[in-house]
N, C-alpha and C. Protein backbone atom coordinates (compact mmCIF):
# COMPACT_ATOMS: atom_id res chain seq x y z
N MET A 1 8.56 89.30 63.42
CA MET A 1 9.76 89.88 63.99
C MET A 1 10.92 89.60 63.02
N ASN A 2 11.62 90.62 62.63
CA ASN A 2 12.73 90.39 61.71
C ASN A 2 14.02 90.13 62.48
N ASN A 3 15.07 89.84 61.74
CA ASN A 3 16.34 89.47 62.37
C ASN A 3 16.96 90.61 63.17
N ASN A 4 16.78 91.84 62.71
CA ASN A 4 17.36 92.97 63.44
C ASN A 4 16.73 93.14 64.82
N GLU A 5 15.42 92.95 64.90
CA GLU A 5 14.75 93.07 66.19
C GLU A 5 15.19 91.95 67.13
N ARG A 6 15.30 90.76 66.61
CA ARG A 6 15.73 89.63 67.42
C ARG A 6 17.16 89.85 67.92
N LEU A 7 18.02 90.34 67.05
CA LEU A 7 19.40 90.63 67.43
C LEU A 7 19.46 91.71 68.50
N TYR A 8 18.65 92.75 68.34
CA TYR A 8 18.61 93.84 69.32
C TYR A 8 18.18 93.32 70.69
N LYS A 9 17.15 92.49 70.72
CA LYS A 9 16.66 91.96 72.00
C LYS A 9 17.71 91.06 72.65
N THR A 10 18.39 90.26 71.85
CA THR A 10 19.44 89.38 72.38
C THR A 10 20.58 90.20 72.97
N MET A 11 20.98 91.24 72.26
CA MET A 11 22.06 92.10 72.76
C MET A 11 21.63 92.83 74.03
N ARG A 12 20.38 93.27 74.09
CA ARG A 12 19.88 93.96 75.28
C ARG A 12 19.90 93.02 76.48
N ASN A 13 19.42 91.79 76.30
CA ASN A 13 19.40 90.83 77.40
C ASN A 13 20.82 90.45 77.84
N SER A 14 21.71 90.30 76.90
CA SER A 14 23.10 89.97 77.24
C SER A 14 23.75 91.11 78.01
N GLY A 15 23.49 92.33 77.60
CA GLY A 15 24.05 93.49 78.30
C GLY A 15 23.52 93.61 79.71
N ALA A 16 22.23 93.39 79.88
CA ALA A 16 21.62 93.45 81.22
C ALA A 16 22.19 92.36 82.12
N GLY A 17 22.38 91.17 81.56
CA GLY A 17 22.96 90.07 82.33
C GLY A 17 24.40 90.37 82.74
N ALA A 18 25.16 90.97 81.82
CA ALA A 18 26.55 91.30 82.12
C ALA A 18 26.64 92.35 83.22
N VAL A 19 25.76 93.34 83.19
CA VAL A 19 25.76 94.38 84.23
C VAL A 19 25.40 93.76 85.58
N ALA A 20 24.38 92.91 85.60
CA ALA A 20 23.96 92.27 86.85
C ALA A 20 25.08 91.40 87.41
N MET A 21 25.73 90.65 86.54
CA MET A 21 26.82 89.78 87.00
C MET A 21 27.99 90.62 87.51
N GLY A 22 28.27 91.73 86.87
CA GLY A 22 29.34 92.61 87.33
C GLY A 22 29.06 93.17 88.72
N ILE A 23 27.82 93.53 88.97
CA ILE A 23 27.44 94.05 90.29
C ILE A 23 27.62 92.97 91.36
N VAL A 24 27.20 91.76 91.04
CA VAL A 24 27.33 90.66 92.01
C VAL A 24 28.81 90.37 92.29
N ILE A 25 29.62 90.32 91.25
CA ILE A 25 31.05 90.03 91.43
C ILE A 25 31.73 91.14 92.23
N ALA A 26 31.39 92.39 91.95
CA ALA A 26 31.98 93.51 92.70
C ALA A 26 31.58 93.44 94.17
N THR A 27 30.34 93.10 94.44
CA THR A 27 29.86 93.01 95.83
C THR A 27 30.57 91.89 96.57
N VAL A 28 30.68 90.74 95.94
CA VAL A 28 31.37 89.61 96.57
C VAL A 28 32.84 89.94 96.80
N GLY A 29 33.48 90.57 95.83
CA GLY A 29 34.89 90.95 95.98
C GLY A 29 35.10 91.93 97.11
N LEU A 30 34.23 92.91 97.22
CA LEU A 30 34.33 93.88 98.30
C LEU A 30 34.14 93.22 99.66
N THR A 31 33.19 92.31 99.74
CA THR A 31 32.93 91.60 101.00
C THR A 31 34.12 90.75 101.41
N VAL A 32 34.65 89.99 100.47
CA VAL A 32 35.79 89.12 100.78
C VAL A 32 37.02 89.96 101.14
N GLY A 33 37.23 91.07 100.46
CA GLY A 33 38.34 91.95 100.78
C GLY A 33 38.23 92.54 102.17
N THR A 34 37.04 92.95 102.53
CA THR A 34 36.82 93.51 103.87
C THR A 34 37.06 92.47 104.95
N ILE A 35 36.55 91.27 104.73
CA ILE A 35 36.75 90.20 105.71
C ILE A 35 38.23 89.86 105.84
N SER A 36 38.96 89.85 104.72
CA SER A 36 40.40 89.56 104.76
C SER A 36 41.15 90.62 105.56
N ILE A 37 40.82 91.87 105.37
CA ILE A 37 41.47 92.95 106.11
C ILE A 37 41.18 92.83 107.61
N ILE A 38 39.95 92.54 107.96
CA ILE A 38 39.57 92.41 109.37
C ILE A 38 40.30 91.23 110.02
N MET A 39 40.34 90.09 109.32
CA MET A 39 41.00 88.91 109.89
C MET A 39 42.51 89.13 109.98
N GLY A 40 43.10 89.81 109.02
CA GLY A 40 44.53 90.12 109.08
C GLY A 40 44.86 91.02 110.25
N ALA A 41 44.03 92.03 110.48
CA ALA A 41 44.23 92.92 111.62
C ALA A 41 44.08 92.16 112.93
N PHE A 42 43.14 91.25 112.98
CA PHE A 42 42.93 90.44 114.18
C PHE A 42 44.16 89.58 114.46
N LEU A 43 44.72 88.97 113.42
CA LEU A 43 45.91 88.15 113.61
C LEU A 43 47.11 88.98 114.04
N LEU A 44 47.29 90.14 113.44
CA LEU A 44 48.41 91.01 113.83
C LEU A 44 48.27 91.48 115.28
N LYS A 45 47.04 91.73 115.69
CA LYS A 45 46.80 92.18 117.06
C LYS A 45 47.17 91.10 118.07
N ARG A 46 46.90 89.84 117.72
CA ARG A 46 47.11 88.76 118.67
C ARG A 46 48.39 87.97 118.40
N LYS A 47 49.33 88.48 117.61
CA LYS A 47 50.53 87.72 117.27
C LYS A 47 51.42 87.45 118.47
N SER A 48 51.34 88.29 119.49
CA SER A 48 52.18 88.05 120.66
C SER A 48 51.68 86.86 121.49
N GLU A 49 50.45 86.45 121.28
CA GLU A 49 49.90 85.31 122.02
C GLU A 49 50.20 83.97 121.35
N ILE A 50 50.77 83.99 120.17
CA ILE A 50 51.01 82.76 119.42
C ILE A 50 52.36 82.18 119.86
N GLU A 51 52.36 80.90 120.18
CA GLU A 51 53.58 80.21 120.57
C GLU A 51 53.75 78.99 119.67
N PHE A 52 55.00 78.73 119.31
CA PHE A 52 55.31 77.56 118.48
C PHE A 52 56.06 76.53 119.26
C-alpha cells in the first residue's frame, strides 16, 4: 500500500466520522430545542399560579 492509498483511506474515514458526528449533534440540538420550547410554553401557561 503506498502513501496515497493510506492518505485516501484516512481522509475517507475522517469524513465519515465527521458526517456521523454532525448528524448526532444536529439530532441532540433539535431534541434540546424542542424540549426547551415545550417547557417554556408550560411555564408561560402556568405563570398565573406562581406566587412569590
